[in-house]
C-alpha atoms as a PDB file:
ATOM      1  CA  MET A   1       0.000   0.000   0.000  1.00  0.00           C
ATOM      2  CA  LEU A   2       2.778   2.460   0.808  1.00  0.00           C
ATOM      3  CA  ASP A   3       4.441   1.809  -2.559  1.00  0.00           C
ATOM      4  CA  ASP A   4       1.357   2.810  -4.549  1.00  0.00           C
ATOM      5  CA  TRP A   5       2.326   5.826  -6.695  1.00  0.00           C
ATOM      6  CA  GLN A   6      -0.715   5.860  -8.986  1.00  0.00           C
ATOM      7  CA  PRO A   7      -2.681   9.084  -9.454  1.00  0.00           C
ATOM      8  CA  TYR A   8      -6.221   8.638  -8.201  1.00  0.00           C
ATOM      9  CA  ILE A   9      -8.655  11.230  -9.570  1.00  0.00           C
ATOM     10  CA  TYR A  10     -12.299  10.214  -9.732  1.00  0.00           C
ATOM     11  CA  LEU A  11     -15.448  11.892 -11.064  1.00  0.00           C
ATOM     12  CA  THR A  12     -19.047  11.498  -9.994  1.00  0.00           C
ATOM     13  CA  ASN A  13     -22.081  13.008 -11.702  1.00  0.00           C
ATOM     14  CA  ASP A  14     -24.716  11.434  -9.475  1.00  0.00           C
ATOM     15  CA  TYR A  15     -23.747  12.627  -5.992  1.00  0.00           C
ATOM     16  CA  GLY A  16     -21.516   9.644  -5.255  1.00  0.00           C
ATOM     17  CA  GLU A  17     -23.674   6.765  -6.488  1.00  0.00           C
ATOM     18  CA  THR A  18     -21.111   5.855  -9.163  1.00  0.00           C
ATOM     19  CA  TRP A  19     -17.528   6.965  -9.781  1.00  0.00           C
ATOM     20  CA  SER A  20     -15.304   7.035 -12.874  1.00  0.00           C
ATOM     21  CA  ARG A  21     -11.526   7.138 -12.665  1.00  0.00           C
ATOM     22  CA  LEU A  22     -10.071  10.009 -14.705  1.00  0.00           C
ATOM     23  CA  THR A  23      -6.404   9.008 -14.446  1.00  0.00           C
ATOM     24  CA  ASP A  24      -5.476   5.866 -16.334  1.00  0.00           C
ATOM     25  CA  GLY A  25      -1.809   6.667 -17.028  1.00  0.00           C
ATOM     26  CA  LYS A  26      -2.569   7.263 -20.707  1.00  0.00           C
ATOM     27  CA  ASN A  27      -4.258  10.677 -20.647  1.00  0.00           C
ATOM     28  CA  GLY A  28      -1.400  12.970 -19.630  1.00  0.00           C
ATOM     29  CA  ILE A  29      -0.586  12.157 -16.013  1.00  0.00           C
ATOM     30  CA  PRO A  30       1.832   9.202 -15.882  1.00  0.00           C
ATOM     31  CA  ALA A  31       0.640   6.115 -14.008  1.00  0.00           C
ATOM     32  CA  ASP A  32       3.381   6.520 -11.392  1.00  0.00           C
ATOM     33  CA  TRP A  33       2.839  10.223 -10.534  1.00  0.00           C
ATOM     34  CA  PRO A  34       0.518  10.565  -7.525  1.00  0.00           C
ATOM     35  CA  THR A  35      -1.702  13.638  -7.403  1.00  0.00           C
ATOM     36  CA  ARG A  36      -1.788  15.814  -4.306  1.00  0.00           C
ATOM     37  CA  VAL A  37      -4.560  18.243  -5.180  1.00  0.00           C
ATOM     38  CA  VAL A  38      -7.361  18.708  -7.714  1.00  0.00           C
ATOM     39  CA  ARG A  39      -9.320  21.932  -8.136  1.00  0.00           C
ATOM     40  CA  GLU A  40     -11.982  23.052 -10.597  1.00  0.00           C
ATOM     41  CA  ASP A  41     -11.637  26.511 -12.145  1.00  0.00           C
ATOM     42  CA  PRO A  42     -14.259  28.778 -10.543  1.00  0.00           C
ATOM     43  CA  ASP A  43     -15.021  30.514 -13.846  1.00  0.00           C
ATOM     44  CA  ARG A  44     -14.847  27.615 -16.334  1.00  0.00           C
ATOM     45  CA  GLU A  45     -16.901  24.574 -15.418  1.00  0.00           C
ATOM     46  CA  GLY A  46     -15.090  21.364 -16.320  1.00  0.00           C
ATOM     47  CA  LEU A  47     -11.580  22.876 -16.248  1.00  0.00           C
ATOM     48  CA  LEU A  48      -9.567  20.959 -13.670  1.00  0.00           C
ATOM     49  CA  TYR A  49      -6.144  21.672 -12.219  1.00  0.00           C
ATOM     50  CA  ALA A  50      -4.232  18.718 -10.794  1.00  0.00           C
ATOM     51  CA  GLY A  51      -1.046  19.080  -8.769  1.00  0.00           C
ATOM     52  CA  THR A  52       1.186  16.020  -9.051  1.00  0.00           C
ATOM     53  CA  GLU A  53       4.069  14.740  -6.958  1.00  0.00           C
ATOM     54  CA  PHE A  54       7.075  14.906  -9.278  1.00  0.00           C
ATOM     55  CA  GLU A  55       8.979  17.662 -11.073  1.00  0.00           C
ATOM     56  CA  PRO A  56       8.405  21.351 -10.412  1.00  0.00           C
ATOM     57  CA  SER A  57       6.700  21.550 -13.802  1.00  0.00           C
ATOM     58  CA  SER A  58       4.198  18.829 -13.092  1.00  0.00           C
ATOM     59  CA  ARG A  59       1.039  20.834 -12.500  1.00  0.00           C
ATOM     60  CA  SER A  60      -1.485  19.761 -15.106  1.00  0.00           C
ATOM     61  CA  THR A  61      -4.820  20.871 -16.453  1.00  0.00           C
ATOM     62  CA  THR A  62      -7.604  19.570 -18.635  1.00  0.00           C
ATOM     63  CA  VAL A  63     -10.245  21.410 -20.622  1.00  0.00           C
ATOM     64  CA  ALA A  64     -12.823  18.618 -20.836  1.00  0.00           C
ATOM     65  CA  ILE A  65     -13.132  16.774 -17.553  1.00  0.00           C
ATOM     66  CA  GLY A  66     -10.906  13.746 -17.718  1.00  0.00           C
ATOM     67  CA  SER A  67     -10.278  13.707 -21.441  1.00  0.00           C
ATOM     68  CA  HIS A  68      -6.611  14.719 -21.374  1.00  0.00           C
ATOM     69  CA  PHE A  69      -4.283  16.341 -18.898  1.00  0.00           C
ATOM     70  CA  SER A  70      -1.429  18.503 -20.174  1.00  0.00           C
ATOM     71  CA  ARG A  71       1.257  20.608 -18.489  1.00  0.00           C
ATOM     72  CA  ILE A  72       0.479  24.291 -18.173  1.00  0.00           C
ATOM     73  CA  CYS A  73       3.621  25.790 -16.603  1.00  0.00           C
ATOM     74  CA  GLN A  74       7.297  25.181 -16.156  1.00  0.00           C
ATOM     75  CA  SER A  75       8.944  25.476 -12.725  1.00  0.00           C
ATOM     76  CA  LEU A  76       6.016  26.604 -10.594  1.00  0.00           C
ATOM     77  CA  ARG A  77       7.248  27.659  -7.180  1.00  0.00           C
END
């Protein structure tokens, strides 16, 4: 359990009845980069920001919820 480095980001559209995993290791966040924080943009519904564990440049975003994460900045500090 302590060696589990997978990013776990889930989405629910029915108040928690069912959940879909957004991070499969193939949509922009590598399978061995755990996420520390996920926030939705207050002005653009569906725009998520995910902070990952590795590299200073590893903050990611997606325009359509869960479709693809891509890096937005280099060396955030």
